C-alpha cells in the first residue's frame, strides 16, 4: 500500500491509546501512594508532638522545630 496506510498504522494508534491509559492509571496509583505516605508521615509527626510538652501559650511546633528538640 502506498503511504503506509494499512494495518500497521492502525496498530500504532491503538498502542498509543493503551499506553496513555496505562500511564494515567499508573499516575493515579502513584498519587494515591503519595497521599497515603503523607498521611502516615503527618500522623507520625502528630504522635511526636504529643510526646513533647509545650507551655499553653506556645504555638504548635513546626516539623523542623519538632525534630530539633
PDB file of N, CA and C in Angstrom:
ATOM      1  N   UNK A   1       0.830  -1.181   0.000  1.00  0.00           N
ATOM      2  CA  UNK A   1       0.000   0.000   0.000  1.00  0.00           C
ATOM      3  C   UNK A   1       0.876   1.246   0.000  1.00  0.00           C
ATOM      4  N   UNK A   2       0.554   2.212  -0.786  1.00  0.00           N
ATOM      5  CA  UNK A   2       1.318   3.442  -0.869  1.00  0.00           C
ATOM      6  C   UNK A   2       0.953   4.338   0.306  1.00  0.00           C
ATOM      7  N   UNK A   3       1.949   4.953   0.913  1.00  0.00           N
ATOM      8  CA  UNK A   3       1.676   5.875   2.010  1.00  0.00           C
ATOM      9  C   UNK A   3       1.611   5.201   3.370  1.00  0.00           C
ATOM     10  N   UNK A   4       1.725   3.893   3.416  1.00  0.00           N
ATOM     11  CA  UNK A   4       1.753   3.179   4.695  1.00  0.00           C
ATOM     12  C   UNK A   4       0.451   3.209   5.456  1.00  0.00           C
ATOM     13  N   UNK A   5      -0.670   3.370   4.791  1.00  0.00           N
ATOM     14  CA  UNK A   5      -1.946   3.482   5.498  1.00  0.00           C
ATOM     15  C   UNK A   5      -2.652   2.162   5.672  1.00  0.00           C
ATOM     16  N   UNK A   6      -1.974   1.193   6.212  1.00  0.00           N
ATOM     17  CA  UNK A   6      -2.604  -0.114   6.375  1.00  0.00           C
ATOM     18  C   UNK A   6      -2.746  -0.487   7.833  1.00  0.00           C
ATOM     19  N   UNK A   7      -2.666  -1.770   8.076  1.00  0.00           N
ATOM     20  CA  UNK A   7      -2.858  -2.317   9.426  1.00  0.00           C
ATOM     21  C   UNK A   7      -1.846  -1.746  10.423  1.00  0.00           C
ATOM     22  N   UNK A   8      -0.602  -1.586   9.997  1.00  0.00           N
ATOM     23  CA  UNK A   8       0.445  -1.094  10.896  1.00  0.00           C
ATOM     24  C   UNK A   8       0.122   0.268  11.480  1.00  0.00           C
ATOM     25  N   UNK A   9      -0.453   1.128  10.699  1.00  0.00           N
ATOM     26  CA  UNK A   9      -0.788   2.469  11.173  1.00  0.00           C
ATOM     27  C   UNK A   9      -1.898   2.409  12.221  1.00  0.00           C
ATOM     28  N   UNK A  10      -2.881   1.595  11.984  1.00  0.00           N
ATOM     29  CA  UNK A  10      -3.983   1.430  12.929  1.00  0.00           C
ATOM     30  C   UNK A  10      -3.449   0.846  14.245  1.00  0.00           C
ATOM     31  N   UNK A  11      -2.547  -0.099  14.139  1.00  0.00           N
ATOM     32  CA  UNK A  11      -1.965  -0.741  15.321  1.00  0.00           C
ATOM     33  C   UNK A  11      -1.235   0.292  16.180  1.00  0.00           C
ATOM     34  N   UNK A  12      -0.502   1.200  15.552  1.00  0.00           N
ATOM     35  CA  UNK A  12       0.222   2.230  16.301  1.00  0.00           C
ATOM     36  C   UNK A  12      -0.736   3.112  17.094  1.00  0.00           C
ATOM     37  N   UNK A  13      -1.846   3.475  16.497  1.00  0.00           N
ATOM     38  CA  UNK A  13      -2.829   4.318  17.178  1.00  0.00           C
ATOM     39  C   UNK A  13      -3.379   3.597  18.397  1.00  0.00           C
ATOM     40  N   UNK A  14      -3.712   2.318  18.250  1.00  0.00           N
ATOM     41  CA  UNK A  14      -4.250   1.532  19.361  1.00  0.00           C
ATOM     42  C   UNK A  14      -3.204   1.416  20.462  1.00  0.00           C
ATOM     43  N   UNK A  15      -1.960   1.143  20.101  1.00  0.00           N
ATOM     44  CA  UNK A  15      -0.899   1.009  21.102  1.00  0.00           C
ATOM     45  C   UNK A  15      -0.681   2.316  21.857  1.00  0.00           C
ATOM     46  N   UNK A  16      -0.706   3.439  21.155  1.00  0.00           N
ATOM     47  CA  UNK A  16      -0.527   4.732  21.820  1.00  0.00           C
ATOM     48  C   UNK A  16      -1.657   4.981  22.809  1.00  0.00           C
ATOM     49  N   UNK A  17      -2.872   4.637  22.426  1.00  0.00           N
ATOM     50  CA  UNK A  17      -4.028   4.842  23.293  1.00  0.00           C
ATOM     51  C   UNK A  17      -3.908   3.967  24.540  1.00  0.00           C
ATOM     52  N   UNK A  18      -3.536   2.700  24.365  1.00  0.00           N
ATOM     53  CA  UNK A  18      -3.362   1.806  25.512  1.00  0.00           C
ATOM     54  C   UNK A  18      -2.263   2.319  26.430  1.00  0.00           C
ATOM     55  N   UNK A  19      -1.176   2.784  25.838  1.00  0.00           N
ATOM     56  CA  UNK A  19      -0.058   3.293  26.636  1.00  0.00           C
ATOM     57  C   UNK A  19      -0.504   4.507  27.441  1.00  0.00           C
ATOM     58  N   UNK A  20      -1.288   5.387  26.822  1.00  0.00           N
ATOM     59  CA  UNK A  20      -1.772   6.581  27.506  1.00  0.00           C
ATOM     60  C   UNK A  20      -2.677   6.190  28.675  1.00  0.00           C
ATOM     61  N   UNK A  21      -3.565   5.226  28.447  1.00  0.00           N
ATOM     62  CA  UNK A  21      -4.470   4.781  29.511  1.00  0.00           C
ATOM     63  C   UNK A  21      -3.668   4.178  30.652  1.00  0.00           C
ATOM     64  N   UNK A  22      -2.695   3.332  30.339  1.00  0.00           N
ATOM     65  CA  UNK A  22      -1.873   2.706  31.360  1.00  0.00           C
ATOM     66  C   UNK A  22      -1.093   3.774  32.138  1.00  0.00           C
ATOM     67  N   UNK A  23      -0.581   4.761  31.440  1.00  0.00           N
ATOM     68  CA  UNK A  23       0.167   5.829  32.095  1.00  0.00           C
ATOM     69  C   UNK A  23      -0.732   6.598  33.056  1.00  0.00           C
ATOM     70  N   UNK A  24      -1.959   6.877  32.666  1.00  0.00           N
ATOM     71  CA  UNK A  24      -2.890   7.589  33.546  1.00  0.00           C
ATOM     72  C   UNK A  24      -3.216   6.753  34.778  1.00  0.00           C
ATOM     73  N   UNK A  25      -3.391   5.451  34.592  1.00  0.00           N
ATOM     74  CA  UNK A  25      -3.665   4.566  35.728  1.00  0.00           C
ATOM     75  C   UNK A  25      -2.468   4.538  36.670  1.00  0.00           C
ATOM     76  N   UNK A  26      -1.275   4.459  36.107  1.00  0.00           N
ATOM     77  CA  UNK A  26      -0.065   4.451  36.931  1.00  0.00           C
ATOM     78  C   UNK A  26       0.083   5.763  37.690  1.00  0.00           C
ATOM     79  N   UNK A  27      -0.250   6.867  37.043  1.00  0.00           N
ATOM     80  CA  UNK A  27      -0.165   8.175  37.688  1.00  0.00           C
ATOM     81  C   UNK A  27      -1.148   8.263  38.853  1.00  0.00           C
ATOM     82  N   UNK A  28      -2.368   7.772  38.645  1.00  0.00           N
ATOM     83  CA  UNK A  28      -3.364   7.774  39.721  1.00  0.00           C
ATOM     84  C   UNK A  28      -2.899   6.917  40.890  1.00  0.00           C
ATOM     85  N   UNK A  29      -2.308   5.766  40.584  1.00  0.00           N
ATOM     86  CA  UNK A  29      -1.813   4.878  41.639  1.00  0.00           C
ATOM     87  C   UNK A  29      -0.672   5.544  42.404  1.00  0.00           C
ATOM     88  N   UNK A  30       0.216   6.220  41.697  1.00  0.00           N
ATOM     89  CA  UNK A  30       1.329   6.916  42.346  1.00  0.00           C
ATOM     90  C   UNK A  30       0.809   8.045  43.230  1.00  0.00           C
ATOM     91  N   UNK A  31      -0.197   8.768  42.766  1.00  0.00           N
ATOM     92  CA  UNK A  31      -0.786   9.843  43.569  1.00  0.00           C
ATOM     93  C   UNK A  31      -1.418   9.290  44.836  1.00  0.00           C
ATOM     94  N   UNK A  32      -2.091   8.161  44.713  1.00  0.00           N
ATOM     95  CA  UNK A  32      -2.709   7.525  45.876  1.00  0.00           C
ATOM     96  C   UNK A  32      -1.641   7.094  46.885  1.00  0.00           C
ATOM     97  N   UNK A  33      -0.565   6.484  46.376  1.00  0.00           N
ATOM     98  CA  UNK A  33       0.530   6.080  47.276  1.00  0.00           C
ATOM     99  C   UNK A  33       1.135   7.287  47.979  1.00  0.00           C
ATOM    100  N   UNK A  34       1.315   8.388  47.266  1.00  0.00           N
ATOM    101  CA  UNK A  34       1.902   9.594  47.862  1.00  0.00           C
ATOM    102  C   UNK A  34       0.976  10.196  48.916  1.00  0.00           C
ATOM    103  N   UNK A  35      -0.330  10.214  48.647  1.00  0.00           N
ATOM    104  CA  UNK A  35      -1.277  10.731  49.645  1.00  0.00           C
ATOM    105  C   UNK A  35      -1.244   9.883  50.911  1.00  0.00           C
ATOM    106  N   UNK A  36      -1.192   8.572  50.735  1.00  0.00           N
ATOM    107  CA  UNK A  36      -1.112   7.681  51.902  1.00  0.00           C
ATOM    108  C   UNK A  36       0.187   7.905  52.669  1.00  0.00           C
ATOM    109  N   UNK A  37       1.290   8.064  51.932  1.00  0.00           N
ATOM    110  CA  UNK A  37       2.592   8.291  52.569  1.00  0.00           C
ATOM    111  C   UNK A  37       2.573   9.574  53.397  1.00  0.00           C
ATOM    112  N   UNK A  38       2.024  10.645  52.820  1.00  0.00           N
ATOM    113  CA  UNK A  38       1.966  11.918  53.538  1.00  0.00           C
ATOM    114  C   UNK A  38       1.035  11.831  54.744  1.00  0.00           C
ATOM    115  N   UNK A  39      -0.061  11.102  54.617  1.00  0.00           N
ATOM    116  CA  UNK A  39      -0.977  10.929  55.738  1.00  0.00           C
ATOM    117  C   UNK A  39      -0.265  10.213  56.887  1.00  0.00           C
ATOM    118  N   UNK A  40       0.484   9.162  56.563  1.00  0.00           N
ATOM    119  CA  UNK A  40       1.234   8.424  57.581  1.00  0.00           C
ATOM    120  C   UNK A  40       2.315   9.301  58.212  1.00  0.00           C
ATOM    121  N   UNK A  41       2.997  10.082  57.392  1.00  0.00           N
ATOM    122  CA  UNK A  41       4.047  10.966  57.894  1.00  0.00           C
ATOM    123  C   UNK A  41       3.459  12.024  58.826  1.00  0.00           C
ATOM    124  N   UNK A  42       2.340  12.620  58.438  1.00  0.00           N
ATOM    125  CA  UNK A  42       1.686  13.617  59.284  1.00  0.00           C
ATOM    126  C   UNK A  42       1.217  13.007  60.597  1.00  0.00           C
ATOM    127  N   UNK A  43       0.714  11.784  60.547  1.00  0.00           N
ATOM    128  CA  UNK A  43       0.281  11.101  61.769  1.00  0.00           C
ATOM    129  C   UNK A  43       1.472  10.859  62.693  1.00  0.00           C
ATOM    130  N   UNK A  44       2.605  10.504  62.128  1.00  0.00           N
ATOM    131  CA  UNK A  44       3.807  10.275  62.932  1.00  0.00           C
ATOM    132  C   UNK A  44       4.269  11.574  63.597  1.00  0.00           C
ATOM    133  N   UNK A  45       4.230  12.686  62.871  1.00  0.00           N
ATOM    134  CA  UNK A  45       4.612  13.975  63.463  1.00  0.00           C
ATOM    135  C   UNK A  45       3.633  14.377  64.564  1.00  0.00           C
ATOM    136  N   UNK A  46       2.347  14.122  64.363  1.00  0.00           N
ATOM    137  CA  UNK A  46       1.358  14.435  65.403  1.00  0.00           C
ATOM    138  C   UNK A  46       1.629  13.627  66.661  1.00  0.00           C
ATOM    139  N   UNK A  47       1.952  12.354  66.499  1.00  0.00           N
ATOM    140  CA  UNK A  47       2.259  11.499  67.652  1.00  0.00           C
ATOM    141  C   UNK A  47       3.498  12.017  68.373  1.00  0.00           C
ATOM    142  N   UNK A  48       4.487  12.460  67.624  1.00  0.00           N
ATOM    143  CA  UNK A  48       5.707  13.008  68.222  1.00  0.00           C
ATOM    144  C   UNK A  48       5.408  14.317  68.948  1.00  0.00           C
ATOM    145  N   UNK A  49       4.553  15.166  68.370  1.00  0.00           N
ATOM    146  CA  UNK A  49       4.185  16.432  69.021  1.00  0.00           C
ATOM    147  C   UNK A  49       3.542  16.186  70.385  1.00  0.00           C
ATOM    148  N   UNK A  50       2.748  15.126  70.486  1.00  0.00           N
ATOM    149  CA  UNK A  50       2.075  14.824  71.747  1.00  0.00           C
ATOM    150  C   UNK A  50       3.067  14.407  72.830  1.00  0.00           C
ATOM    151  N   UNK A  51       4.229  13.933  72.434  1.00  0.00           N
ATOM    152  CA  UNK A  51       5.234  13.488  73.400  1.00  0.00           C
ATOM    153  C   UNK A  51       6.102  14.632  73.920  1.00  0.00           C
ATOM    154  N   UNK A  52       6.106  15.769  73.217  1.00  0.00           N
ATOM    155  CA  UNK A  52       6.936  16.910  73.613  1.00  0.00           C
ATOM    156  C   UNK A  52       6.044  17.938  74.293  1.00  0.00           C
ATOM    157  N   UNK A  53       6.306  18.207  75.568  1.00  0.00           N
ATOM    158  CA  UNK A  53       5.446  19.156  76.292  1.00  0.00           C
ATOM    159  C   UNK A  53       5.655  20.596  75.809  1.00  0.00           C
ATOM    160  N   UNK A  54       4.558  21.332  75.734  1.00  0.00           N
ATOM    161  CA  UNK A  54       4.588  22.754  75.389  1.00  0.00           C
ATOM    162  C   UNK A  54       3.867  23.527  76.480  1.00  0.00           C
ATOM    163  N   UNK A  55       4.273  24.766  76.657  1.00  0.00           N
ATOM    164  CA  UNK A  55       3.531  25.642  77.550  1.00  0.00           C
ATOM    165  C   UNK A  55       2.258  26.075  76.825  1.00  0.00           C
ATOM    166  N   UNK A  56       1.211  26.389  77.554  1.00  0.00           N
ATOM    167  CA  UNK A  56      -0.077  26.722  76.920  1.00  0.00           C
ATOM    168  C   UNK A  56      -0.010  27.876  75.918  1.00  0.00           C
ATOM    169  N   UNK A  57       0.882  28.829  76.126  1.00  0.00           N
ATOM    170  CA  UNK A  57       0.935  29.998  75.240  1.00  0.00           C
ATOM    171  C   UNK A  57       1.822  29.764  74.011  1.00  0.00           C
ATOM    172  N   UNK A  58       2.517  28.641  73.940  1.00  0.00           N
ATOM    173  CA  UNK A  58       3.400  28.384  72.805  1.00  0.00           C
ATOM    174  C   UNK A  58       2.608  27.852  71.609  1.00  0.00           C
ATOM    175  N   UNK A  59       3.080  28.243  70.434  1.00  0.00           N
ATOM    176  CA  UNK A  59       2.419  27.773  69.210  1.00  0.00           C
ATOM    177  C   UNK A  59       2.839  26.336  68.899  1.00  0.00           C
ATOM    178  N   UNK A  60       2.098  25.712  68.024  1.00  0.00           N
ATOM    179  CA  UNK A  60       2.414  24.349  67.594  1.00  0.00           C
ATOM    180  C   UNK A  60       3.784  24.356  66.909  1.00  0.00           C
ATOM    181  N   UNK A  61       4.615  23.390  67.242  1.00  0.00           N
ATOM    182  CA  UNK A  61       5.955  23.327  66.669  1.00  0.00           C
ATOM    183  C   UNK A  61       5.908  22.887  65.206  1.00  0.00           C
ATOM    184  N   UNK A  62       6.785  23.492  64.402  1.00  0.00           N
ATOM    185  CA  UNK A  62       6.913  23.053  63.013  1.00  0.00           C
ATOM    186  C   UNK A  62       7.674  21.728  62.998  1.00  0.00           C
ATOM    187  N   UNK A  63       7.737  21.110  61.860  1.00  0.00           N
ATOM    188  CA  UNK A  63       8.458  19.836  61.757  1.00  0.00           C
ATOM    189  C   UNK A  63       9.935  20.011  62.095  1.00  0.00           C
ATOM    190  N   UNK A  64      10.536  21.072  61.590  1.00  0.00           N
ATOM    191  CA  UNK A  64      11.955  21.316  61.855  1.00  0.00           C
ATOM    192  C   UNK A  64      12.171  21.573  63.339  1.00  0.00           C
ATOM    193  N   UNK A  65      11.330  22.408  63.939  1.00  0.00           N
ATOM    194  CA  UNK A  65      11.445  22.685  65.377  1.00  0.00           C
ATOM    195  C   UNK A  65      11.228  21.412  66.187  1.00  0.00           C
ATOM    196  N   UNK A  66      10.295  20.618  65.767  1.00  0.00           N
ATOM    197  CA  UNK A  66       9.977  19.375  66.462  1.00  0.00           C
ATOM    198  C   UNK A  66      11.166  18.416  66.432  1.00  0.00           C
ATOM    199  N   UNK A  67      11.803  18.309  65.292  1.00  0.00           N
ATOM    200  CA  UNK A  67      12.935  17.391  65.160  1.00  0.00           C
ATOM    201  C   UNK A  67      14.186  17.907  65.861  1.00  0.00           C
ATOM    202  N   UNK A  68      14.284  19.217  66.068  1.00  0.00           N
ATOM    203  CA  UNK A  68      15.477  19.772  66.716  1.00  0.00           C
ATOM    204  C   UNK A  68      15.379  19.730  68.233  1.00  0.00           C
ATOM    205  N   UNK A  69      14.221  19.437  68.796  1.00  0.00           N
ATOM    206  CA  UNK A  69      14.058  19.383  70.260  1.00  0.00           C
ATOM    207  C   UNK A  69      14.505  18.062  70.799  1.00  0.00           C
TER     208      UNK A  69
END
